[in-house]
Amino acid sequence: MYKLYYAPGACSLSPHIVLREAGAPFKMVKVNLAEKKTEDGGDFWAKNPGGYVPALEAADGTMITEGPVIVQYIADKAGKLVPAYGTKERYQLMTWLNFTTSELHKGFSPLFNAKVDDGSKAVLRDRLRHRLGVVDKHLATNQYLMGKDFTVADAYLFTVLTWTPRPAIAIDLAKEFPNLKAYHDRVAARPAVADALKAEAA
């Protein structure tokens, strides 16, 4: 059984969704990121020296960090949600995972930082809008990032899109990126995704 170290509202939602989509057995371990403590009082620094979620502990005690790596690990073990290694489709999937982590996820991060001035945030928000526009255009003709099939890349993209309504971001997908809005709603309707959202809100 896996242990998923997570924090509600954080990017750990992505592997949480993948675990449920894969039908893998797991236990959720909530982390207080401010105190770097797990819900049972454990030292989270000992689990992930980086001090952030997600972190995944395998049954043999192996610790895996970094969201894009975790979701591929889970999916490869389950034999679903990713194309096979060595295929062009696998590298397309990895491209989307890297785009999401470097161009989208890290584009959101400074907007949540109170120390970043408003002028800088305006520039960063425009850059983020451009990146979101790239994905919006792709989704005009694709149901999911890889076409017709839901993959781990969709779990990650969906996760970062859930941050757009927050006051610090203030990007209205319905008005600015209708294809992304339709995609977000489509992914949110998946039973495993709905279950993950419900569990983290409890």
N, C-alpha and C. Protein backbone atom coordinates (compact mmCIF):
# COMPACT_ATOMS: atom_id res chain seq x y z
N MET A 1 0.84 -1.20 0.00
CA MET A 1 0.00 0.00 0.00
C MET A 1 0.87 1.25 0.00
N TYR A 2 0.48 2.23 -0.79
CA TYR A 2 1.19 3.49 -0.85
C TYR A 2 0.76 4.41 0.30
N LYS A 3 1.66 5.33 0.66
CA LYS A 3 1.31 6.44 1.53
C LYS A 3 1.53 7.72 0.73
N LEU A 4 0.48 8.51 0.60
CA LEU A 4 0.59 9.77 -0.12
C LEU A 4 0.59 10.91 0.89
N TYR A 5 1.69 11.64 0.93
CA TYR A 5 1.79 12.80 1.79
C TYR A 5 1.25 13.99 0.99
N TYR A 6 0.22 14.63 1.55
CA TYR A 6 -0.50 15.66 0.79
C TYR A 6 -0.89 16.83 1.68
N ALA A 7 -1.29 17.92 1.04
CA ALA A 7 -1.89 19.07 1.72
C ALA A 7 -3.08 19.50 0.87
N PRO A 8 -4.23 19.73 1.47
CA PRO A 8 -5.41 20.13 0.70
C PRO A 8 -5.14 21.40 -0.12
N GLY A 9 -5.57 21.37 -1.37
CA GLY A 9 -5.41 22.53 -2.23
C GLY A 9 -4.05 22.64 -2.90
N ALA A 10 -3.15 21.74 -2.58
CA ALA A 10 -1.79 21.77 -3.15
C ALA A 10 -1.71 20.88 -4.38
N CYS A 11 -0.54 20.84 -5.01
CA CYS A 11 -0.35 20.04 -6.22
C CYS A 11 -0.38 18.54 -5.95
N SER A 12 -0.40 18.15 -4.68
CA SER A 12 -0.51 16.73 -4.34
C SER A 12 -1.86 16.15 -4.76
N LEU A 13 -2.80 17.02 -5.15
CA LEU A 13 -4.07 16.52 -5.69
C LEU A 13 -3.84 15.67 -6.93
N SER A 14 -2.81 16.01 -7.71
CA SER A 14 -2.54 15.29 -8.95
C SER A 14 -2.26 13.79 -8.71
N PRO A 15 -1.26 13.41 -7.89
CA PRO A 15 -1.08 11.97 -7.63
C PRO A 15 -2.24 11.35 -6.87
N HIS A 16 -2.95 12.13 -6.08
CA HIS A 16 -4.15 11.62 -5.40
C HIS A 16 -5.17 11.15 -6.43
N ILE A 17 -5.39 11.98 -7.46
CA ILE A 17 -6.31 11.59 -8.53
C ILE A 17 -5.80 10.34 -9.25
N VAL A 18 -4.51 10.31 -9.54
CA VAL A 18 -3.94 9.18 -10.28
C VAL A 18 -4.07 7.88 -9.48
N LEU A 19 -3.84 7.94 -8.18
CA LEU A 19 -4.01 6.75 -7.35
C LEU A 19 -5.43 6.20 -7.45
N ARG A 20 -6.40 7.10 -7.43
CA ARG A 20 -7.79 6.67 -7.52
C ARG A 20 -8.14 6.17 -8.92
N GLU A 21 -7.66 6.86 -9.94
CA GLU A 21 -7.91 6.42 -11.32
C GLU A 21 -7.28 5.05 -11.58
N ALA A 22 -6.12 4.81 -10.97
CA ALA A 22 -5.40 3.54 -11.17
C ALA A 22 -5.98 2.40 -10.33
N GLY A 23 -6.80 2.74 -9.36
CA GLY A 23 -7.35 1.71 -8.46
C GLY A 23 -6.30 1.16 -7.52
N ALA A 24 -5.28 1.96 -7.21
CA ALA A 24 -4.19 1.50 -6.35
C ALA A 24 -4.56 1.70 -4.88
N PRO A 25 -4.18 0.77 -4.01
CA PRO A 25 -4.44 0.94 -2.58
C PRO A 25 -3.50 1.99 -1.98
N PHE A 26 -4.05 2.90 -1.20
CA PHE A 26 -3.21 3.95 -0.61
C PHE A 26 -3.82 4.50 0.65
N LYS A 27 -2.96 5.12 1.43
CA LYS A 27 -3.36 5.84 2.63
C LYS A 27 -2.92 7.28 2.47
N MET A 28 -3.79 8.20 2.84
CA MET A 28 -3.47 9.62 2.78
C MET A 28 -2.89 10.08 4.11
N VAL A 29 -1.79 10.81 4.04
CA VAL A 29 -1.15 11.36 5.24
C VAL A 29 -1.10 12.88 5.06
N LYS A 30 -1.90 13.57 5.85
CA LYS A 30 -1.99 15.03 5.73
C LYS A 30 -0.75 15.69 6.33
N VAL A 31 -0.27 16.73 5.66
CA VAL A 31 0.93 17.44 6.09
C VAL A 31 0.59 18.89 6.40
N ASN A 32 1.06 19.37 7.54
CA ASN A 32 1.00 20.80 7.85
C ASN A 32 2.26 21.42 7.27
N LEU A 33 2.12 22.12 6.15
CA LEU A 33 3.30 22.63 5.45
C LEU A 33 3.98 23.76 6.20
N ALA A 34 3.22 24.50 7.00
CA ALA A 34 3.82 25.60 7.76
C ALA A 34 4.75 25.07 8.84
N GLU A 35 4.31 23.97 9.49
CA GLU A 35 5.09 23.39 10.58
C GLU A 35 5.97 22.23 10.15
N LYS A 36 5.77 21.76 8.91
CA LYS A 36 6.50 20.60 8.38
C LYS A 36 6.28 19.37 9.27
N LYS A 37 5.02 19.19 9.65
CA LYS A 37 4.63 18.05 10.48
C LYS A 37 3.53 17.26 9.80
N THR A 38 3.58 15.93 9.95
CA THR A 38 2.49 15.10 9.47
C THR A 38 1.37 15.11 10.50
N GLU A 39 0.20 14.62 10.12
CA GLU A 39 -0.96 14.69 11.00
C GLU A 39 -0.77 13.88 12.29
N ASP A 40 0.15 12.92 12.29
CA ASP A 40 0.41 12.15 13.51
C ASP A 40 1.58 12.74 14.30
N GLY A 41 2.02 13.94 13.92
CA GLY A 41 3.09 14.62 14.65
C GLY A 41 4.49 14.30 14.15
N GLY A 42 4.59 13.53 13.08
CA GLY A 42 5.90 13.17 12.55
C GLY A 42 6.60 14.33 11.87
N ASP A 43 7.90 14.19 11.72
CA ASP A 43 8.73 15.21 11.09
C ASP A 43 8.70 15.01 9.58
N PHE A 44 8.05 15.92 8.86
CA PHE A 44 7.95 15.76 7.42
C PHE A 44 9.29 15.97 6.72
N TRP A 45 10.18 16.75 7.33
CA TRP A 45 11.51 16.92 6.74
C TRP A 45 12.19 15.56 6.56
N ALA A 46 11.89 14.62 7.45
CA ALA A 46 12.51 13.29 7.38
C ALA A 46 11.97 12.49 6.18
N LYS A 47 10.77 12.85 5.73
CA LYS A 47 10.17 12.16 4.60
C LYS A 47 10.59 12.78 3.28
N ASN A 48 10.57 14.11 3.24
CA ASN A 48 11.01 14.83 2.04
C ASN A 48 11.86 16.01 2.47
N PRO A 49 13.16 15.94 2.28
CA PRO A 49 14.06 17.03 2.68
C PRO A 49 13.71 18.38 2.04
N GLY A 50 12.96 18.33 0.94
CA GLY A 50 12.54 19.57 0.31
C GLY A 50 11.46 20.28 1.10
N GLY A 51 10.74 19.52 1.92
CA GLY A 51 9.71 20.10 2.78
C GLY A 51 8.39 20.39 2.11
N TYR A 52 8.18 19.87 0.89
CA TYR A 52 6.92 20.15 0.19
C TYR A 52 6.25 18.86 -0.27
N VAL A 53 4.97 18.96 -0.54
CA VAL A 53 4.21 17.84 -1.07
C VAL A 53 4.12 18.00 -2.59
N PRO A 54 3.86 16.87 -3.29
CA PRO A 54 3.59 15.53 -2.79
C PRO A 54 4.87 14.74 -2.53
N ALA A 55 4.69 13.72 -1.71
CA ALA A 55 5.71 12.69 -1.53
C ALA A 55 4.96 11.37 -1.45
N LEU A 56 5.51 10.36 -2.07
CA LEU A 56 4.87 9.05 -2.10
C LEU A 56 5.80 8.02 -1.51
N GLU A 57 5.30 7.26 -0.54
CA GLU A 57 6.07 6.18 0.07
C GLU A 57 5.51 4.86 -0.42
N ALA A 58 6.36 4.07 -1.08
CA ALA A 58 5.95 2.77 -1.57
C ALA A 58 5.94 1.75 -0.44
N ALA A 59 5.39 0.58 -0.70
CA ALA A 59 5.27 -0.45 0.33
C ALA A 59 6.61 -0.88 0.89
N ASP A 60 7.65 -0.80 0.07
CA ASP A 60 8.98 -1.21 0.53
C ASP A 60 9.74 -0.08 1.22
N GLY A 61 9.07 1.07 1.40
CA GLY A 61 9.69 2.19 2.08
C GLY A 61 10.36 3.19 1.15
N THR A 62 10.43 2.89 -0.14
CA THR A 62 11.01 3.83 -1.09
C THR A 62 10.21 5.12 -1.12
N MET A 63 10.90 6.25 -1.04
CA MET A 63 10.25 7.55 -1.10
C MET A 63 10.47 8.16 -2.48
N ILE A 64 9.40 8.63 -3.07
CA ILE A 64 9.47 9.26 -4.38
C ILE A 64 8.88 10.66 -4.24
N THR A 65 9.61 11.65 -4.74
CA THR A 65 9.14 13.02 -4.71
C THR A 65 9.08 13.57 -6.13
N GLU A 66 8.52 14.75 -6.26
CA GLU A 66 8.29 15.46 -7.52
C GLU A 66 7.07 14.87 -8.23
N GLY A 67 6.04 15.69 -8.30
CA GLY A 67 4.75 15.25 -8.83
C GLY A 67 4.78 14.53 -10.16
N PRO A 68 5.45 15.08 -11.20
CA PRO A 68 5.45 14.40 -12.49
C PRO A 68 6.09 13.01 -12.45
N VAL A 69 7.07 12.83 -11.57
CA VAL A 69 7.71 11.52 -11.42
C VAL A 69 6.78 10.56 -10.67
N ILE A 70 6.15 11.06 -9.63
CA ILE A 70 5.25 10.23 -8.82
C ILE A 70 4.12 9.67 -9.67
N VAL A 71 3.49 10.52 -10.48
CA VAL A 71 2.33 10.03 -11.25
C VAL A 71 2.74 9.00 -12.29
N GLN A 72 3.93 9.15 -12.89
CA GLN A 72 4.39 8.14 -13.83
C GLN A 72 4.70 6.83 -13.13
N TYR A 73 5.28 6.93 -11.94
CA TYR A 73 5.59 5.72 -11.16
C TYR A 73 4.31 4.94 -10.84
N ILE A 74 3.31 5.64 -10.33
CA ILE A 74 2.05 4.98 -9.99
C ILE A 74 1.44 4.32 -11.22
N ALA A 75 1.39 5.07 -12.31
CA ALA A 75 0.75 4.57 -13.52
C ALA A 75 1.50 3.41 -14.13
N ASP A 76 2.83 3.46 -14.12
CA ASP A 76 3.62 2.35 -14.66
C ASP A 76 3.39 1.08 -13.85
N LYS A 77 3.32 1.23 -12.53
CA LYS A 77 3.07 0.06 -11.67
C LYS A 77 1.68 -0.51 -11.91
N ALA A 78 0.72 0.38 -12.20
CA ALA A 78 -0.66 -0.07 -12.41
C ALA A 78 -0.90 -0.54 -13.84
N GLY A 79 -0.01 -0.16 -14.76
CA GLY A 79 -0.18 -0.57 -16.15
C GLY A 79 -1.30 0.17 -16.86
N LYS A 80 -1.53 1.41 -16.47
CA LYS A 80 -2.57 2.21 -17.13
C LYS A 80 -2.26 3.69 -16.94
N LEU A 81 -2.95 4.53 -17.71
CA LEU A 81 -2.87 5.99 -17.61
C LEU A 81 -1.60 6.60 -18.21
N VAL A 82 -0.72 5.77 -18.78
CA VAL A 82 0.46 6.27 -19.49
C VAL A 82 0.74 5.38 -20.70
N PRO A 83 1.24 5.97 -21.79
CA PRO A 83 1.70 5.16 -22.92
C PRO A 83 2.96 4.39 -22.52
N ALA A 84 3.29 3.37 -23.27
CA ALA A 84 4.46 2.55 -22.97
C ALA A 84 5.74 3.32 -23.19
N TYR A 85 6.76 2.99 -22.38
CA TYR A 85 8.09 3.59 -22.56
C TYR A 85 8.61 3.29 -23.96
N GLY A 86 9.32 4.27 -24.51
CA GLY A 86 9.94 4.08 -25.82
C GLY A 86 9.06 4.48 -26.98
N THR A 87 7.77 4.69 -26.72
CA THR A 87 6.87 5.09 -27.80
C THR A 87 6.88 6.62 -27.93
N LYS A 88 6.52 7.10 -29.10
CA LYS A 88 6.46 8.55 -29.29
C LYS A 88 5.40 9.17 -28.39
N GLU A 89 4.34 8.38 -28.12
CA GLU A 89 3.28 8.89 -27.25
C GLU A 89 3.77 9.12 -25.83
N ARG A 90 4.72 8.28 -25.37
CA ARG A 90 5.24 8.48 -24.02
C ARG A 90 6.01 9.80 -23.93
N TYR A 91 6.73 10.12 -24.97
CA TYR A 91 7.48 11.37 -24.95
C TYR A 91 6.56 12.58 -25.10
N GLN A 92 5.45 12.39 -25.80
CA GLN A 92 4.45 13.46 -25.86
C GLN A 92 3.84 13.69 -24.48
N LEU A 93 3.57 12.61 -23.79
CA LEU A 93 3.05 12.71 -22.42
C LEU A 93 4.05 13.43 -21.52
N MET A 94 5.30 13.06 -21.61
CA MET A 94 6.34 13.69 -20.79
C MET A 94 6.48 15.17 -21.12
N THR A 95 6.26 15.51 -22.39
CA THR A 95 6.29 16.91 -22.78
C THR A 95 5.20 17.70 -22.07
N TRP A 96 4.00 17.13 -22.02
CA TRP A 96 2.90 17.80 -21.34
C TRP A 96 3.14 17.90 -19.83
N LEU A 97 3.69 16.87 -19.25
CA LEU A 97 4.01 16.92 -17.82
C LEU A 97 5.04 18.01 -17.53
N ASN A 98 6.05 18.10 -18.38
CA ASN A 98 7.09 19.11 -18.17
C ASN A 98 6.56 20.51 -18.43
N PHE A 99 5.72 20.66 -19.42
CA PHE A 99 5.12 21.96 -19.70
C PHE A 99 4.27 22.40 -18.51
N THR A 100 3.51 21.48 -17.96
CA THR A 100 2.64 21.83 -16.84
C THR A 100 3.45 22.21 -15.61
N THR A 101 4.53 21.47 -15.35
CA THR A 101 5.31 21.77 -14.15
C THR A 101 6.14 23.04 -14.28
N SER A 102 6.72 23.27 -15.46
CA SER A 102 7.64 24.41 -15.60
C SER A 102 6.97 25.68 -16.08
N GLU A 103 6.02 25.56 -16.98
CA GLU A 103 5.41 26.74 -17.58
C GLU A 103 4.11 27.16 -16.90
N LEU A 104 3.40 26.20 -16.30
CA LEU A 104 2.13 26.54 -15.64
C LEU A 104 2.29 26.55 -14.12
N HIS A 105 2.61 25.41 -13.53
CA HIS A 105 2.73 25.32 -12.07
C HIS A 105 3.65 26.41 -11.53
N LYS A 106 4.84 26.51 -12.07
CA LYS A 106 5.79 27.51 -11.58
C LYS A 106 5.40 28.92 -11.98
N GLY A 107 4.47 29.04 -12.92
CA GLY A 107 3.94 30.35 -13.26
C GLY A 107 2.94 30.84 -12.23
N PHE A 108 2.24 29.90 -11.60
CA PHE A 108 1.29 30.27 -10.54
C PHE A 108 2.02 30.65 -9.25
N SER A 109 3.09 29.96 -8.94
CA SER A 109 3.73 30.07 -7.62
C SER A 109 4.01 31.50 -7.16
N PRO A 110 4.67 32.36 -7.96
CA PRO A 110 4.98 33.70 -7.45
C PRO A 110 3.75 34.57 -7.23
N LEU A 111 2.64 34.22 -7.87
CA LEU A 111 1.42 35.01 -7.69
C LEU A 111 0.82 34.81 -6.31
N PHE A 112 1.20 33.73 -5.65
CA PHE A 112 0.73 33.47 -4.28
C PHE A 112 1.66 34.09 -3.23
N ASN A 113 2.78 34.65 -3.69
CA ASN A 113 3.79 35.18 -2.77
C ASN A 113 3.52 36.66 -2.48
N ALA A 114 3.20 36.96 -1.22
CA ALA A 114 2.87 38.33 -0.82
C ALA A 114 4.05 39.29 -0.98
N LYS A 115 5.26 38.77 -1.06
CA LYS A 115 6.44 39.62 -1.18
C LYS A 115 6.70 40.09 -2.61
N VAL A 116 6.01 39.49 -3.58
CA VAL A 116 6.18 39.90 -4.98
C VAL A 116 5.29 41.11 -5.23
N ASP A 117 5.85 42.18 -5.78
CA ASP A 117 5.09 43.42 -5.98
C ASP A 117 4.06 43.28 -7.10
N ASP A 118 3.05 44.15 -7.06
CA ASP A 118 1.94 44.07 -8.00
C ASP A 118 2.37 44.22 -9.45
N GLY A 119 3.36 45.07 -9.71
CA GLY A 119 3.84 45.25 -11.07
C GLY A 119 4.43 43.97 -11.64
N SER A 120 5.21 43.30 -10.83
CA SER A 120 5.81 42.04 -11.26
C SER A 120 4.73 40.98 -11.46
N LYS A 121 3.74 40.99 -10.57
CA LYS A 121 2.66 40.01 -10.69
C LYS A 121 1.88 40.21 -11.98
N ALA A 122 1.70 41.45 -12.39
CA ALA A 122 0.98 41.72 -13.63
C ALA A 122 1.72 41.12 -14.83
N VAL A 123 3.03 41.27 -14.84
CA VAL A 123 3.85 40.71 -15.92
C VAL A 123 3.77 39.18 -15.89
N LEU A 124 3.88 38.62 -14.71
CA LEU A 124 3.85 37.16 -14.56
C LEU A 124 2.47 36.60 -14.93
N ARG A 125 1.42 37.34 -14.59
CA ARG A 125 0.07 36.89 -14.91
C ARG A 125 -0.16 36.90 -16.42
N ASP A 126 0.37 37.90 -17.11
CA ASP A 126 0.27 37.93 -18.58
C ASP A 126 1.01 36.76 -19.20
N ARG A 127 2.17 36.45 -18.66
CA ARG A 127 2.94 35.31 -19.17
C ARG A 127 2.16 34.00 -18.95
N LEU A 128 1.55 33.89 -17.79
CA LEU A 128 0.77 32.69 -17.49
C LEU A 128 -0.43 32.58 -18.44
N ARG A 129 -1.06 33.71 -18.72
CA ARG A 129 -2.19 33.70 -19.66
C ARG A 129 -1.74 33.20 -21.04
N HIS A 130 -0.56 33.62 -21.47
CA HIS A 130 -0.05 33.15 -22.76
C HIS A 130 0.12 31.64 -22.75
N ARG A 131 0.69 31.10 -21.68
CA ARG A 131 0.90 29.66 -21.58
C ARG A 131 -0.44 28.91 -21.55
N LEU A 132 -1.40 29.46 -20.82
CA LEU A 132 -2.72 28.83 -20.77
C LEU A 132 -3.37 28.85 -22.14
N GLY A 133 -3.10 29.91 -22.90
CA GLY A 133 -3.64 30.00 -24.25
C GLY A 133 -3.13 28.90 -25.17
N VAL A 134 -1.89 28.50 -24.96
CA VAL A 134 -1.32 27.40 -25.75
C VAL A 134 -2.12 26.12 -25.52
N VAL A 135 -2.43 25.85 -24.27
CA VAL A 135 -3.17 24.63 -23.94
C VAL A 135 -4.63 24.75 -24.39
N ASP A 136 -5.20 25.94 -24.25
CA ASP A 136 -6.58 26.16 -24.67
C ASP A 136 -6.74 25.86 -26.17
N LYS A 137 -5.77 26.29 -26.96
CA LYS A 137 -5.81 26.03 -28.40
C LYS A 137 -5.71 24.54 -28.68
N HIS A 138 -4.84 23.84 -27.96
CA HIS A 138 -4.69 22.39 -28.15
C HIS A 138 -5.99 21.66 -27.83
N LEU A 139 -6.68 22.11 -26.78
CA LEU A 139 -7.90 21.43 -26.33
C LEU A 139 -9.12 21.78 -27.17
N ALA A 140 -8.95 22.66 -28.14
CA ALA A 140 -10.06 22.96 -29.05
C ALA A 140 -10.40 21.74 -29.90
N THR A 141 -9.41 20.88 -30.11
CA THR A 141 -9.63 19.71 -30.97
C THR A 141 -9.27 18.39 -30.27
N ASN A 142 -9.04 18.45 -28.95
CA ASN A 142 -8.70 17.25 -28.19
C ASN A 142 -9.51 17.19 -26.90
N GLN A 143 -10.04 16.01 -26.60
CA GLN A 143 -10.81 15.85 -25.38
C GLN A 143 -9.91 15.94 -24.15
N TYR A 144 -8.74 15.31 -24.26
CA TYR A 144 -7.73 15.34 -23.20
C TYR A 144 -6.40 15.73 -23.83
N LEU A 145 -5.37 15.91 -23.02
CA LEU A 145 -4.08 16.34 -23.54
C LEU A 145 -3.52 15.39 -24.58
N MET A 146 -3.76 14.08 -24.38
CA MET A 146 -3.24 13.09 -25.30
C MET A 146 -4.28 12.63 -26.32
N GLY A 147 -5.35 13.39 -26.44
CA GLY A 147 -6.39 13.03 -27.40
C GLY A 147 -7.65 12.54 -26.72
N LYS A 148 -8.02 11.29 -26.98
CA LYS A 148 -9.26 10.75 -26.43
C LYS A 148 -9.10 10.12 -25.06
N ASP A 149 -7.85 9.83 -24.67
CA ASP A 149 -7.61 9.08 -23.44
C ASP A 149 -7.12 9.96 -22.29
N PHE A 150 -7.71 9.80 -21.12
CA PHE A 150 -7.27 10.47 -19.91
C PHE A 150 -5.95 9.85 -19.45
N THR A 151 -4.97 10.71 -19.14
CA THR A 151 -3.68 10.22 -18.67
C THR A 151 -3.26 10.99 -17.42
N VAL A 152 -2.10 10.63 -16.89
CA VAL A 152 -1.58 11.31 -15.71
C VAL A 152 -1.35 12.80 -15.96
N ALA A 153 -1.08 13.16 -17.21
CA ALA A 153 -0.87 14.57 -17.53
C ALA A 153 -2.13 15.38 -17.28
N ASP A 154 -3.28 14.77 -17.50
CA ASP A 154 -4.55 15.46 -17.26
C ASP A 154 -4.80 15.68 -15.77
N ALA A 155 -4.38 14.73 -14.95
CA ALA A 155 -4.53 14.90 -13.51
C ALA A 155 -3.74 16.12 -13.04
N TYR A 156 -2.57 16.32 -13.61
CA TYR A 156 -1.72 17.44 -13.23
C TYR A 156 -2.27 18.77 -13.76
N LEU A 157 -2.64 18.79 -15.03
CA LEU A 157 -3.19 20.01 -15.60
C LEU A 157 -4.46 20.43 -14.86
N PHE A 158 -5.33 19.47 -14.60
CA PHE A 158 -6.56 19.79 -13.87
C PHE A 158 -6.24 20.41 -12.52
N THR A 159 -5.26 19.86 -11.84
CA THR A 159 -4.88 20.36 -10.52
C THR A 159 -4.50 21.82 -10.56
N VAL A 160 -3.64 22.21 -11.49
CA VAL A 160 -3.22 23.61 -11.53
C VAL A 160 -4.36 24.52 -11.98
N LEU A 161 -5.26 24.00 -12.81
CA LEU A 161 -6.40 24.82 -13.24
C LEU A 161 -7.34 25.13 -12.08
N THR A 162 -7.36 24.28 -11.07
CA THR A 162 -8.24 24.55 -9.92
C THR A 162 -7.81 25.80 -9.16
N TRP A 163 -6.60 26.28 -9.42
CA TRP A 163 -6.11 27.48 -8.72
C TRP A 163 -6.56 28.78 -9.39
N THR A 164 -7.05 28.72 -10.62
CA THR A 164 -7.34 29.96 -11.36
C THR A 164 -8.38 30.85 -10.70
N PRO A 165 -9.40 30.35 -9.98
CA PRO A 165 -10.38 31.27 -9.39
C PRO A 165 -9.88 31.97 -8.12
N ARG A 166 -8.78 31.54 -7.56
CA ARG A 166 -8.32 32.14 -6.31
C ARG A 166 -8.00 33.62 -6.52
N PRO A 167 -8.27 34.44 -5.51
CA PRO A 167 -8.07 35.89 -5.65
C PRO A 167 -6.67 36.28 -6.12
N ALA A 168 -5.66 35.54 -5.71
CA ALA A 168 -4.29 35.87 -6.10
C ALA A 168 -4.05 35.66 -7.59
N ILE A 169 -4.87 34.81 -8.21
CA ILE A 169 -4.71 34.50 -9.63
C ILE A 169 -5.72 35.27 -10.46
N ALA A 170 -7.00 35.14 -10.11
CA ALA A 170 -8.10 35.89 -10.74
C ALA A 170 -8.12 35.75 -12.26
N ILE A 171 -8.06 34.52 -12.73
CA ILE A 171 -8.21 34.24 -14.16
C ILE A 171 -9.52 33.48 -14.35
N ASP A 172 -10.41 34.04 -15.12
CA ASP A 172 -11.73 33.45 -15.36
C ASP A 172 -11.65 32.57 -16.60
N LEU A 173 -11.59 31.28 -16.41
CA LEU A 173 -11.47 30.37 -17.55
C LEU A 173 -12.65 30.47 -18.49
N ALA A 174 -13.84 30.63 -17.95
CA ALA A 174 -15.04 30.68 -18.78
C ALA A 174 -14.98 31.85 -19.77
N LYS A 175 -14.46 32.98 -19.32
CA LYS A 175 -14.39 34.16 -20.17
C LYS A 175 -13.17 34.19 -21.08
N GLU A 176 -12.05 33.72 -20.56
CA GLU A 176 -10.79 33.86 -21.30
C GLU A 176 -10.36 32.61 -22.06
N PHE A 177 -10.69 31.44 -21.51
CA PHE A 177 -10.20 30.19 -22.10
C PHE A 177 -11.32 29.15 -22.09
N PRO A 178 -12.30 29.28 -22.97
CA PRO A 178 -13.47 28.40 -22.94
C PRO A 178 -13.14 26.91 -23.12
N ASN A 179 -12.11 26.62 -23.89
CA ASN A 179 -11.75 25.20 -24.07
C ASN A 179 -11.18 24.62 -22.78
N LEU A 180 -10.40 25.42 -22.07
CA LEU A 180 -9.87 24.98 -20.78
C LEU A 180 -10.99 24.83 -19.76
N LYS A 181 -11.98 25.72 -19.81
CA LYS A 181 -13.11 25.63 -18.89
C LYS A 181 -13.90 24.35 -19.14
N ALA A 182 -14.17 24.04 -20.40
CA ALA A 182 -14.90 22.82 -20.75
C ALA A 182 -14.09 21.59 -20.32
N TYR A 183 -12.79 21.65 -20.54
CA TYR A 183 -11.90 20.55 -20.15
C TYR A 183 -11.92 20.37 -18.63
N HIS A 184 -11.78 21.47 -17.89
CA HIS A 184 -11.79 21.40 -16.43
C HIS A 184 -13.07 20.74 -15.94
N ASP A 185 -14.21 21.14 -16.49
CA ASP A 185 -15.49 20.57 -16.06
C ASP A 185 -15.59 19.10 -16.43
N ARG A 186 -15.05 18.75 -17.59
CA ARG A 186 -15.08 17.36 -18.05
C ARG A 186 -14.26 16.47 -17.12
N VAL A 187 -13.08 16.93 -16.74
CA VAL A 187 -12.24 16.15 -15.83
C VAL A 187 -12.86 16.09 -14.44
N ALA A 188 -13.41 17.20 -13.98
CA ALA A 188 -14.02 17.24 -12.65
C ALA A 188 -15.17 16.26 -12.51
N ALA A 189 -15.82 15.93 -13.62
CA ALA A 189 -16.96 15.01 -13.60
C ALA A 189 -16.55 13.55 -13.52
N ARG A 190 -15.27 13.25 -13.69
CA ARG A 190 -14.82 11.86 -13.58
C ARG A 190 -14.98 11.40 -12.13
N PRO A 191 -15.52 10.22 -11.90
CA PRO A 191 -15.77 9.76 -10.53
C PRO A 191 -14.54 9.78 -9.63
N ALA A 192 -13.39 9.35 -10.14
CA ALA A 192 -12.17 9.33 -9.31
C ALA A 192 -11.74 10.74 -8.92
N VAL A 193 -11.93 11.67 -9.84
CA VAL A 193 -11.56 13.07 -9.56
C VAL A 193 -12.51 13.66 -8.53
N ALA A 194 -13.79 13.41 -8.70
CA ALA A 194 -14.77 13.90 -7.74
C ALA A 194 -14.52 13.32 -6.34
N ASP A 195 -14.15 12.05 -6.29
CA ASP A 195 -13.85 11.41 -5.00
C ASP A 195 -12.62 12.03 -4.35
N ALA A 196 -11.61 12.33 -5.14
CA ALA A 196 -10.39 12.95 -4.60
C ALA A 196 -10.68 14.33 -4.04
N LEU A 197 -11.45 15.12 -4.79
CA LEU A 197 -11.80 16.46 -4.32
C LEU A 197 -12.61 16.40 -3.02
N LYS A 198 -13.53 15.46 -2.97
CA LYS A 198 -14.36 15.30 -1.78
C LYS A 198 -13.52 14.89 -0.57
N ALA A 199 -12.58 13.97 -0.79
CA ALA A 199 -11.74 13.49 0.31
C ALA A 199 -10.86 14.60 0.85
N GLU A 200 -10.34 15.46 -0.03
CA GLU A 200 -9.45 16.53 0.44
C GLU A 200 -10.21 17.67 1.09
N ALA A 201 -11.51 17.76 0.78
CA ALA A 201 -12.32 18.81 1.39
C ALA A 201 -12.85 18.40 2.76
N ALA A 202 -12.77 17.11 3.07
CA ALA A 202 -13.32 16.59 4.34
C ALA A 202 -12.50 17.07 5.55
